[in-house]
Amino acid sequence: MKKFLPLATLMVVVNSALAQTVVVTTDTNAAAARIRWWREARFGMFIHYGPVTLTGKEISWSRANSNPKCPNKGPTPVAVYDNLYKRFDPTNFNAADWAGVAKMAGMKYMVLTAKHCDGFLLWDSKVDGYNITATPFKRDLCAELSQAARQDGLRIGWYFSPMDWRDPDFRTERNGDFLKRMQGEIRELLSNYGRIDVMWFDFDGREAVYDQTNTYALVKKLEPEIIIDNRLDLGVNQSNRRILNPNADYYTPEQQIGTYDDQRPWETCMTICQQWAWKPNDKLKSPAEVVSVLCRVVGGDGNLLLNVGPMPDGRIEPRQVEVLKQVGAWMEVNGESIYGTRGGPWKPTSALTSTRKGSMVYVHVLKVDGDRIELPALPRKIKSASVLGGGKIEAETADGKFILHLPEKRDPLATVIKLNLDGSAMDIPALAARPNTD
C-alpha cells in the first residue's frame, strides 16, 4: 500500500555533460522534522516589491537587457530603470501592516523579494550600494519586515535571485567576481536579521553558474534549519517541478496548481492579480477564486505561496487587502481542513477537493451542481459527517459509492464537510474522483 513519505527521494545530476542522474537518498526523518512546520502551515504570502513599482510594470522583466546572456527584453531603458531608486520613497510602508494582512488572511509565513533579477537590494548592504538605503526612504525594509513577522508569530523567508542582470560580470569570464558579491549578499541576509526560515532562489532558464556546492554550504552553515526551494540548480530547458539536488527541499509550480503529489514536497507560487509587481487596475482574483486555489493546492498535498505586490507608497493595495480579509474569515471557520493536513484521499478536481488528518477527512465543495456528490467509497466506515461552521449533512455508502447529500445553504467560497472515519485516513491510497466532479 502506498504511504506518505516524510520527504522525497531526490534526483541529482552528477555529470552535467552526460546529463546522467542518480538517486540520492537523504536522512528522511531529519528532513521531515525540519520542514514539518512548513508542511503544516500550508499557506504563505509572497511579496514582490522594489523601485519598479513606480512604473507599474513587471519587476526585472520590464528592464531592457544590458547583458546578452540574460533573457530580459523589457521596454524600460536601463538608464531609466536603474535610476528609479532615486525616486523610491514608500513613506506609507509599515511592516506591521504587511505582517498583519498576512496573519489576517490565515497565512503562516512570508517571503519577500530581498533581491530580484534587477539587482536592487531591499536591505542595508555593505556588498553593493545599489540598495534601499541609497533611496529617499533610506530604511532597511528587510530588517523591519523580519521583526514584524516574528512579532506576529509568522515565519520569514527571502526570495533571492542568484541572477543579477545588472551586474556586468554575471555569466562572463569574470563570473567568479560576481559570485563573491552574490555569496556576500547571501551572508548578509542570513546573518543580520535573526532566524530566517526559507531561502527562495529563482532561475531564468539560462545557464546556472552559481557555484551551487559552496552556495548551498554557505546557506546551510548560516541557517542549518532553513528550508530551500529547488531553483538554484535549474538551467536551460529545465522544469520548475524538478528537484536536482538533495539540498533542495521542495519544487515550485508557478502560476499553476500542481498535480497531486504526496511523495515530494511542493509549493505553488501564484499572484493575487496577474502581475507579480504592482500594476494599476490589474485584474484581481475574487475571494472565491483564492479559496478554490488554496483548497485545490492543499488537496493535491502542496503549499500555496500567494503573491501581493505593494503599491509605490508602501501599502498593500486596499482591494487586495479586502480579498485577503474575506479569505481570512473563511479560514477562521475552515482552517482545520487546511493546517496540518495532507492531500487526499480523493484527488482534487476543479469542483471538489479533500484533505486528511488522523482519522478525519475534509471535503471542500467548490462548485458542484445539484444537491449530491458521488465519490468512490473509502475502505473505512464513516462514523459521522458534519459541516464546518454548522449545518446538517447526510452521507451514505451504497454500491461502492460514497454519497454526500449537500446542505441547501452553502458557503459562497467553499463548503467544508468533515468526515470522521473508524480508522486512520492516512494510509488510504489516493483515489480519482468521479467524472461528475471534474
Protein backbone atom coordinates (compact mmCIF):
# COMPACT_ATOMS: atom_id res chain seq x y z
CA MET A 1 0.00 0.00 0.00
CA LYS A 2 1.36 3.39 -0.94
CA LYS A 3 2.04 5.64 2.04
CA PHE A 4 3.09 9.21 2.53
CA LEU A 5 6.85 9.70 2.54
CA PRO A 6 8.32 12.14 5.05
CA LEU A 7 10.49 13.56 2.29
CA ALA A 8 11.03 12.54 -1.30
CA THR A 9 13.88 10.57 -2.70
CA LEU A 10 15.69 13.17 -4.79
CA MET A 11 17.25 13.14 -8.25
CA VAL A 12 20.58 14.91 -8.69
CA VAL A 13 22.64 15.48 -11.84
CA VAL A 14 26.10 14.05 -11.21
CA ASN A 15 27.60 14.68 -14.63
CA SER A 16 26.04 17.62 -16.42
CA ALA A 17 28.00 16.93 -19.60
CA LEU A 18 26.42 13.49 -19.90
CA ALA A 19 23.16 14.54 -18.20
CA GLN A 20 23.33 11.39 -16.06
CA THR A 21 21.23 11.12 -12.94
CA VAL A 22 21.46 9.01 -9.84
CA VAL A 23 19.08 8.52 -6.96
CA VAL A 24 20.31 10.22 -3.82
CA THR A 25 18.68 9.38 -0.52
CA THR A 26 18.65 11.80 2.36
CA ASP A 27 18.00 11.41 6.08
CA THR A 28 14.27 11.47 5.61
CA ASN A 29 13.40 11.61 9.29
CA ALA A 30 15.63 14.63 9.93
CA ALA A 31 14.42 16.36 6.76
CA ALA A 32 10.79 15.69 7.65
CA ALA A 33 11.27 17.18 11.10
CA ARG A 34 12.96 20.26 9.65
CA ILE A 35 10.20 21.03 7.17
CA ARG A 36 7.30 19.93 9.37
CA TRP A 37 6.29 23.49 10.26
CA TRP A 38 6.23 24.41 6.57
CA ARG A 39 4.07 21.47 5.55
CA GLU A 40 1.67 22.17 8.40
CA ALA A 41 1.49 25.89 7.54
CA ARG A 42 0.22 25.28 4.00
CA PHE A 43 -0.39 28.97 3.23
CA GLY A 44 2.12 31.81 2.87
CA MET A 45 2.45 35.32 1.48
CA PHE A 46 4.83 36.14 -1.37
CA ILE A 47 5.77 39.83 -1.75
CA HIS A 48 7.29 41.33 -4.91
CA TYR A 49 8.47 44.85 -4.27
CA GLY A 50 11.05 47.39 -5.37
CA PRO A 51 11.55 50.71 -7.21
CA VAL A 52 9.94 49.24 -10.33
CA THR A 53 6.53 49.83 -8.71
CA LEU A 54 6.94 53.47 -9.72
CA THR A 55 6.35 52.37 -13.32
CA GLY A 56 3.56 49.88 -12.66
CA LYS A 57 5.46 47.38 -14.82
CA GLU A 58 6.77 43.92 -14.00
CA ILE A 59 9.78 43.63 -11.73
CA SER A 60 13.08 42.92 -13.58
CA TRP A 61 11.48 41.70 -16.80
CA SER A 62 10.49 45.26 -17.75
CA ARG A 63 14.16 46.32 -17.67
CA ALA A 64 15.92 46.49 -21.06
CA ASN A 65 18.73 43.97 -21.44
CA SER A 66 22.27 45.16 -20.68
CA ASN A 67 23.73 41.64 -20.61
CA PRO A 68 23.31 39.48 -23.74
CA LYS A 69 23.49 36.33 -21.59
CA CYS A 70 20.28 37.26 -19.79
CA PRO A 71 16.74 36.76 -21.14
CA ASN A 72 15.00 40.04 -20.28
CA LYS A 73 14.00 42.36 -23.12
CA GLY A 74 11.86 44.90 -21.31
CA PRO A 75 10.59 48.25 -22.57
CA THR A 76 12.18 50.37 -19.82
CA PRO A 77 15.64 51.64 -20.83
CA VAL A 78 18.45 50.68 -18.46
CA ALA A 79 19.26 54.33 -17.79
CA VAL A 80 15.68 54.84 -16.60
CA TYR A 81 15.13 51.56 -14.76
CA ASP A 82 18.41 51.62 -12.86
CA ASN A 83 17.74 55.16 -11.60
CA LEU A 84 14.22 54.57 -10.31
CA TYR A 85 15.65 54.06 -6.83
CA LYS A 86 16.44 57.80 -6.64
CA ARG A 87 12.67 58.46 -6.51
CA PHE A 88 11.66 55.43 -4.46
CA ASP A 89 10.20 56.62 -1.16
CA PRO A 90 7.44 54.34 0.20
CA THR A 91 6.56 56.63 3.09
CA ASN A 92 3.38 54.69 3.94
CA PHE A 93 5.24 51.42 4.38
CA ASN A 94 4.56 49.81 7.73
CA ALA A 95 5.98 46.35 8.28
CA ALA A 96 3.42 45.62 10.97
CA ASP A 97 0.64 46.30 8.43
CA TRP A 98 2.12 43.82 5.95
CA ALA A 99 2.50 41.15 8.63
CA GLY A 100 -0.98 41.94 9.93
CA VAL A 101 -2.52 41.40 6.50
CA ALA A 102 -0.75 38.04 6.17
CA LYS A 103 -1.91 36.95 9.61
CA MET A 104 -5.46 38.17 8.96
CA ALA A 105 -5.58 36.08 5.78
CA GLY A 106 -4.60 32.95 7.69
CA MET A 107 -1.09 32.82 6.24
CA LYS A 108 1.69 31.36 8.36
CA TYR A 109 4.84 32.61 6.61
CA MET A 110 6.07 35.47 4.43
CA VAL A 111 8.65 35.52 1.62
CA LEU A 112 9.95 38.91 0.42
CA THR A 113 11.91 39.66 -2.77
CA ALA A 114 15.01 40.81 -0.91
CA LYS A 115 16.80 40.74 -4.28
CA HIS A 116 15.16 40.26 -7.65
CA CYS A 117 16.87 39.81 -11.02
CA ASP A 118 17.31 43.56 -11.44
CA GLY A 119 19.94 43.54 -8.69
CA PHE A 120 18.26 46.02 -6.34
CA LEU A 121 18.60 45.10 -2.66
CA LEU A 122 15.90 45.78 -0.08
CA TRP A 123 18.38 45.74 2.82
CA ASP A 124 21.31 47.82 4.08
CA SER A 125 24.06 46.03 2.17
CA LYS A 126 27.76 46.65 2.53
CA VAL A 127 28.42 44.48 -0.53
CA ASP A 128 26.53 46.60 -3.09
CA GLY A 129 25.47 50.22 -2.70
CA TYR A 130 22.56 49.69 -5.09
CA ASN A 131 20.19 49.18 -2.18
CA ILE A 132 17.32 50.71 -0.31
CA THR A 133 19.46 52.87 1.98
CA ALA A 134 20.50 54.86 -1.11
CA THR A 135 16.87 55.82 -1.75
CA PRO A 136 15.00 58.75 -0.18
CA PHE A 137 13.36 56.11 2.04
CA LYS A 138 16.73 55.04 3.50
CA ARG A 139 15.27 52.40 5.86
CA ASP A 140 16.18 48.69 5.85
CA LEU A 141 12.96 47.05 4.69
CA CYS A 142 14.21 43.50 5.36
CA ALA A 143 15.05 44.39 8.96
CA GLU A 144 11.66 45.89 9.64
CA LEU A 145 9.66 43.10 7.99
CA SER A 146 11.58 40.26 9.64
CA GLN A 147 10.99 41.83 13.03
CA ALA A 148 7.29 42.47 12.37
CA ALA A 149 6.72 38.95 11.06
CA ARG A 150 8.21 37.34 14.14
CA GLN A 151 6.21 39.63 16.42
CA ASP A 152 3.05 38.31 14.75
CA GLY A 153 4.16 34.69 15.04
CA LEU A 154 4.91 34.34 11.33
CA ARG A 155 7.90 32.65 9.75
CA ILE A 156 10.03 34.79 7.43
CA GLY A 157 11.94 33.96 4.27
CA TRP A 158 13.85 35.70 1.50
CA TYR A 159 13.38 35.43 -2.23
CA PHE A 160 16.90 35.81 -3.59
CA SER A 161 17.69 35.96 -7.28
CA PRO A 162 21.10 34.36 -7.89
CA MET A 163 20.91 36.00 -11.30
CA ASP A 164 21.81 39.69 -11.44
CA TRP A 165 21.01 41.08 -14.87
CA ARG A 166 22.51 44.45 -13.94
CA ASP A 167 25.92 43.08 -12.89
CA PRO A 168 28.32 43.31 -15.89
CA ASP A 169 30.39 40.36 -14.60
CA PHE A 170 27.49 37.92 -14.44
CA ARG A 171 27.85 34.97 -16.85
CA THR A 172 31.10 36.35 -18.26
CA GLU A 173 34.71 35.32 -17.81
CA ARG A 174 34.58 37.42 -14.64
CA ASN A 175 31.74 35.37 -13.14
CA GLY A 176 33.98 34.50 -10.19
CA ASP A 177 33.99 38.14 -9.15
CA PHE A 178 30.22 38.20 -9.39
CA LEU A 179 29.96 35.06 -7.25
CA LYS A 180 31.96 36.67 -4.44
CA ARG A 181 29.44 39.51 -4.34
CA MET A 182 26.46 37.18 -4.63
CA GLN A 183 27.63 34.99 -1.77
CA GLY A 184 28.49 38.07 0.25
CA GLU A 185 24.90 39.26 -0.14
CA ILE A 186 23.58 35.88 1.00
CA ARG A 187 25.86 36.07 4.03
CA GLU A 188 24.36 39.43 4.96
CA LEU A 189 20.77 38.23 4.55
CA LEU A 190 21.33 35.14 6.68
CA SER A 191 23.50 36.79 9.35
CA ASN A 192 21.91 40.14 10.18
CA TYR A 193 18.18 39.51 10.59
CA GLY A 194 17.72 36.78 13.16
CA ARG A 195 16.48 33.36 12.21
CA ILE A 196 15.47 33.08 8.56
CA ASP A 197 13.17 30.16 7.76
CA VAL A 198 13.04 29.99 3.95
CA MET A 199 15.50 30.68 1.14
CA TRP A 200 13.62 31.01 -2.13
CA PHE A 201 16.02 31.03 -5.08
CA ASP A 202 14.83 31.75 -8.62
CA PHE A 203 16.01 30.84 -12.13
CA ASP A 204 15.72 32.38 -15.58
CA GLY A 205 16.11 29.40 -17.90
CA ARG A 206 19.72 30.22 -18.73
CA GLU A 207 22.99 28.68 -17.54
CA ALA A 208 23.07 28.11 -13.76
CA VAL A 209 26.54 29.39 -12.80
CA TYR A 210 26.09 29.98 -9.08
CA ASP A 211 28.78 27.76 -7.52
CA GLN A 212 25.94 25.67 -6.16
CA THR A 213 28.07 23.43 -3.95
CA ASN A 214 29.55 26.31 -1.98
CA THR A 215 26.39 28.40 -2.11
CA TYR A 216 24.33 25.63 -0.54
CA ALA A 217 27.09 25.05 2.02
CA LEU A 218 27.08 28.73 2.94
CA VAL A 219 23.29 28.80 3.38
CA LYS A 220 23.30 25.62 5.49
CA LYS A 221 26.18 26.85 7.63
CA LEU A 222 24.47 30.13 8.42
CA GLU A 223 20.96 28.66 8.83
CA PRO A 224 21.11 24.88 9.45
CA GLU A 225 17.31 24.57 9.79
CA ILE A 226 16.40 26.66 6.75
CA ILE A 227 14.12 25.35 4.01
CA ILE A 228 15.35 25.81 0.42
CA ASP A 229 13.43 25.62 -2.84
CA ASN A 230 14.60 23.81 -5.97
CA ARG A 231 15.53 26.65 -8.31
CA LEU A 232 19.21 27.29 -7.61
CA ASP A 233 20.15 24.31 -9.81
CA LEU A 234 17.72 24.86 -12.66
CA GLY A 235 19.10 25.95 -16.01
CA VAL A 236 18.35 25.64 -19.71
CA ASN A 237 15.12 23.81 -20.58
CA GLN A 238 14.61 22.56 -17.04
CA SER A 239 11.25 22.41 -15.30
CA ASN A 240 10.44 24.11 -12.01
CA ARG A 241 8.91 20.78 -10.99
CA ARG A 242 12.29 19.04 -10.83
CA ILE A 243 14.49 18.64 -7.76
CA LEU A 244 18.08 18.21 -8.89
CA ASN A 245 19.95 18.46 -5.61
CA PRO A 246 19.49 16.83 -2.18
CA ASN A 247 19.99 20.27 -0.59
CA ALA A 248 16.69 21.41 -2.08
CA ASP A 249 13.53 20.62 -0.13
CA TYR A 250 10.62 21.26 -2.47
CA TYR A 251 9.65 22.11 -6.04
CA THR A 252 7.77 25.15 -7.25
CA PRO A 253 4.99 25.17 -9.86
CA GLU A 254 4.45 28.79 -10.94
CA GLN A 255 1.06 30.34 -11.70
CA GLN A 256 -0.33 26.80 -11.91
CA ILE A 257 -1.82 24.38 -9.44
CA GLY A 258 0.48 21.41 -9.09
CA THR A 259 -0.81 17.90 -9.75
CA TYR A 260 -1.42 15.53 -6.85
CA ASP A 261 1.93 14.51 -5.35
CA ASP A 262 2.20 13.13 -1.82
CA GLN A 263 5.77 11.88 -2.30
CA ARG A 264 7.69 15.14 -2.92
CA PRO A 265 7.03 18.44 -1.11
CA TRP A 266 5.86 21.21 -3.43
CA GLU A 267 4.56 24.76 -3.36
CA THR A 268 2.54 26.64 -5.96
CA CYS A 269 3.51 30.30 -6.22
CA MET A 270 0.71 32.39 -7.70
CA THR A 271 -0.28 36.05 -7.94
CA ILE A 272 -3.42 37.50 -6.38
CA CYS A 273 -3.64 39.68 -9.51
CA GLN A 274 -1.94 38.85 -12.82
CA GLN A 275 1.40 40.67 -12.49
CA TRP A 276 3.91 39.92 -9.73
CA ALA A 277 4.75 43.56 -9.03
CA TRP A 278 2.03 46.16 -8.53
CA LYS A 279 0.16 47.26 -11.64
CA PRO A 280 -2.65 49.86 -11.67
CA ASN A 281 -6.07 48.24 -12.18
CA ASP A 282 -4.57 44.78 -12.53
CA LYS A 283 -7.17 42.02 -12.72
CA LEU A 284 -7.78 40.74 -9.20
CA LYS A 285 -8.82 37.25 -8.09
CA SER A 286 -12.03 37.09 -6.09
CA PRO A 287 -12.11 35.60 -2.58
CA ALA A 288 -13.82 32.51 -4.01
CA GLU A 289 -11.05 32.10 -6.60
CA VAL A 290 -8.33 32.37 -3.94
CA VAL A 291 -10.07 29.84 -1.68
CA SER A 292 -10.55 27.50 -4.63
CA VAL A 293 -6.85 27.68 -5.50
CA LEU A 294 -5.88 27.12 -1.87
CA CYS A 295 -8.14 24.09 -1.49
CA ARG A 296 -7.01 22.56 -4.79
CA VAL A 297 -3.34 23.07 -3.91
CA VAL A 298 -3.59 21.66 -0.40
CA GLY A 299 -5.86 18.90 -1.68
CA GLY A 300 -3.00 17.98 -4.01
CA ASP A 301 -0.67 17.88 -0.96
CA GLY A 302 1.06 21.19 -1.73
CA ASN A 303 1.51 24.63 -0.20
CA LEU A 304 0.25 27.91 -1.65
CA LEU A 305 2.52 30.97 -1.68
CA LEU A 306 0.14 33.73 -2.74
CA ASN A 307 1.76 36.91 -4.03
CA VAL A 308 0.85 40.52 -3.36
CA GLY A 309 2.57 43.49 -4.99
CA PRO A 310 2.53 46.53 -2.70
CA MET A 311 1.99 49.98 -4.19
CA PRO A 312 4.72 52.63 -4.63
CA ASP A 313 3.75 54.30 -1.35
CA GLY A 314 4.38 51.07 0.59
CA ARG A 315 0.80 49.95 1.22
CA ILE A 316 -0.66 46.67 0.08
CA GLU A 317 -3.43 47.70 -2.29
CA PRO A 318 -6.71 48.08 -0.34
CA ARG A 319 -8.71 45.92 -2.74
CA GLN A 320 -6.16 43.13 -2.33
CA VAL A 321 -6.43 43.52 1.43
CA GLU A 322 -10.21 43.19 1.21
CA VAL A 323 -9.92 39.90 -0.70
CA LEU A 324 -7.45 38.58 1.86
CA LYS A 325 -9.73 39.68 4.69
CA GLN A 326 -12.54 37.55 3.27
CA VAL A 327 -10.18 34.63 2.76
CA GLY A 328 -9.12 35.01 6.39
CA ALA A 329 -12.72 34.97 7.58
CA TRP A 330 -13.20 31.69 5.69
CA MET A 331 -10.01 30.31 7.24
CA GLU A 332 -11.23 31.15 10.75
CA VAL A 333 -14.10 28.72 10.23
CA ASN A 334 -12.45 26.15 7.98
CA GLY A 335 -8.73 26.37 8.79
CA GLU A 336 -8.66 22.94 10.42
CA SER A 337 -9.22 21.49 6.94
CA ILE A 338 -6.04 23.24 5.71
CA TYR A 339 -3.46 23.46 8.50
CA GLY A 340 -1.56 20.30 9.34
CA THR A 341 -3.37 18.22 6.73
CA ARG A 342 -2.20 16.10 3.83
CA GLY A 343 -3.85 15.83 0.44
CA GLY A 344 -6.48 13.22 -0.39
CA PRO A 345 -7.83 10.64 -0.09
CA TRP A 346 -9.66 11.80 -3.21
CA LYS A 347 -7.53 13.62 -5.73
CA PRO A 348 -8.61 17.22 -6.31
CA THR A 349 -10.69 18.49 -9.19
CA SER A 350 -11.92 21.96 -10.03
CA ALA A 351 -15.19 21.13 -8.30
CA LEU A 352 -14.14 19.23 -5.22
CA THR A 353 -11.02 18.62 -3.13
CA SER A 354 -10.19 16.73 0.03
CA THR A 355 -7.61 16.76 2.80
CA ARG A 356 -6.95 14.41 5.71
CA LYS A 357 -5.54 14.40 9.19
CA GLY A 358 -5.59 11.43 11.57
CA SER A 359 -8.98 9.79 11.23
CA MET A 360 -10.55 12.90 9.72
CA VAL A 361 -11.25 13.66 6.06
CA TYR A 362 -12.32 17.12 4.91
CA VAL A 363 -14.22 17.54 1.66
CA HIS A 364 -14.14 21.02 0.07
CA VAL A 365 -17.19 21.61 -2.12
CA LEU A 366 -16.16 24.31 -4.59
CA LYS A 367 -18.62 24.34 -7.49
CA VAL A 368 -20.86 21.31 -7.64
CA ASP A 369 -24.20 21.50 -9.39
CA GLY A 370 -27.07 19.66 -7.79
CA ASP A 371 -27.61 18.52 -4.25
CA ARG A 372 -25.38 15.44 -4.05
CA ILE A 373 -21.86 14.23 -4.70
CA GLU A 374 -20.85 10.69 -5.56
CA LEU A 375 -17.30 9.53 -4.91
CA PRO A 376 -15.54 6.17 -4.78
CA ALA A 377 -16.16 4.58 -1.39
CA LEU A 378 -13.34 4.58 1.13
CA PRO A 379 -12.02 1.40 2.79
CA ARG A 380 -13.20 2.81 6.13
CA LYS A 381 -16.60 3.34 7.67
CA ILE A 382 -17.86 6.87 8.14
CA LYS A 383 -18.69 7.32 11.82
CA SER A 384 -20.07 10.82 11.43
CA ALA A 385 -20.33 13.71 8.98
CA SER A 386 -20.74 17.41 9.74
CA VAL A 387 -20.35 20.82 8.10
CA LEU A 388 -17.64 23.10 9.46
CA GLY A 389 -19.29 26.22 10.78
CA GLY A 390 -22.56 24.38 11.41
CA GLY A 391 -25.20 22.72 9.31
CA LYS A 392 -26.55 19.24 8.72
CA ILE A 393 -25.19 16.79 6.17
CA GLU A 394 -26.33 13.32 5.17
CA ALA A 395 -23.85 10.72 4.00
CA GLU A 396 -24.21 7.12 2.89
CA THR A 397 -22.27 4.36 1.20
CA ALA A 398 -24.02 2.22 -1.42
CA ASP A 399 -22.87 0.09 -4.36
CA GLY A 400 -19.23 1.04 -3.89
CA LYS A 401 -20.07 4.74 -3.86
CA PHE A 402 -19.81 7.31 -1.13
CA ILE A 403 -22.72 9.73 -1.42
CA LEU A 404 -22.95 13.14 0.19
CA HIS A 405 -26.31 14.90 0.24
CA LEU A 406 -25.34 18.56 0.30
CA PRO A 407 -26.94 21.12 2.54
CA GLU A 408 -29.29 23.60 0.91
CA LYS A 409 -27.32 26.53 2.30
CA ARG A 410 -23.65 26.54 1.32
CA ASP A 411 -20.69 28.81 1.92
CA PRO A 412 -20.26 31.05 -1.17
CA LEU A 413 -16.48 30.50 -1.03
CA ALA A 414 -16.39 26.77 -0.26
CA THR A 415 -18.40 24.48 1.98
CA VAL A 416 -16.28 22.07 4.01
CA ILE A 417 -17.64 18.72 5.15
CA LYS A 418 -15.83 16.89 7.94
CA LEU A 419 -15.88 13.10 7.92
CA ASN A 420 -14.87 11.08 10.98
CA LEU A 421 -13.65 7.61 9.98
CA ASP A 422 -13.45 4.47 12.08
CA GLY A 423 -9.69 4.29 11.47
CA SER A 424 -6.78 6.24 10.08
CA ALA A 425 -7.29 8.19 6.87
CA MET A 426 -3.56 8.48 6.30
CA ASP A 427 -2.84 5.08 4.75
CA ILE A 428 -5.66 5.15 2.20
CA PRO A 429 -4.23 5.24 -1.34
CA ALA A 430 -5.26 8.36 -3.27
CA LEU A 431 -8.39 7.81 -5.32
CA ALA A 432 -9.54 9.51 -8.51
CA ALA A 433 -12.78 11.40 -8.11
CA ARG A 434 -15.81 10.50 -10.18
CA PRO A 435 -16.14 12.17 -13.60
CA ASN A 436 -19.14 14.25 -12.47
CA THR A 437 -16.89 16.20 -10.09
CA ASP A 438 -14.21 17.11 -12.68
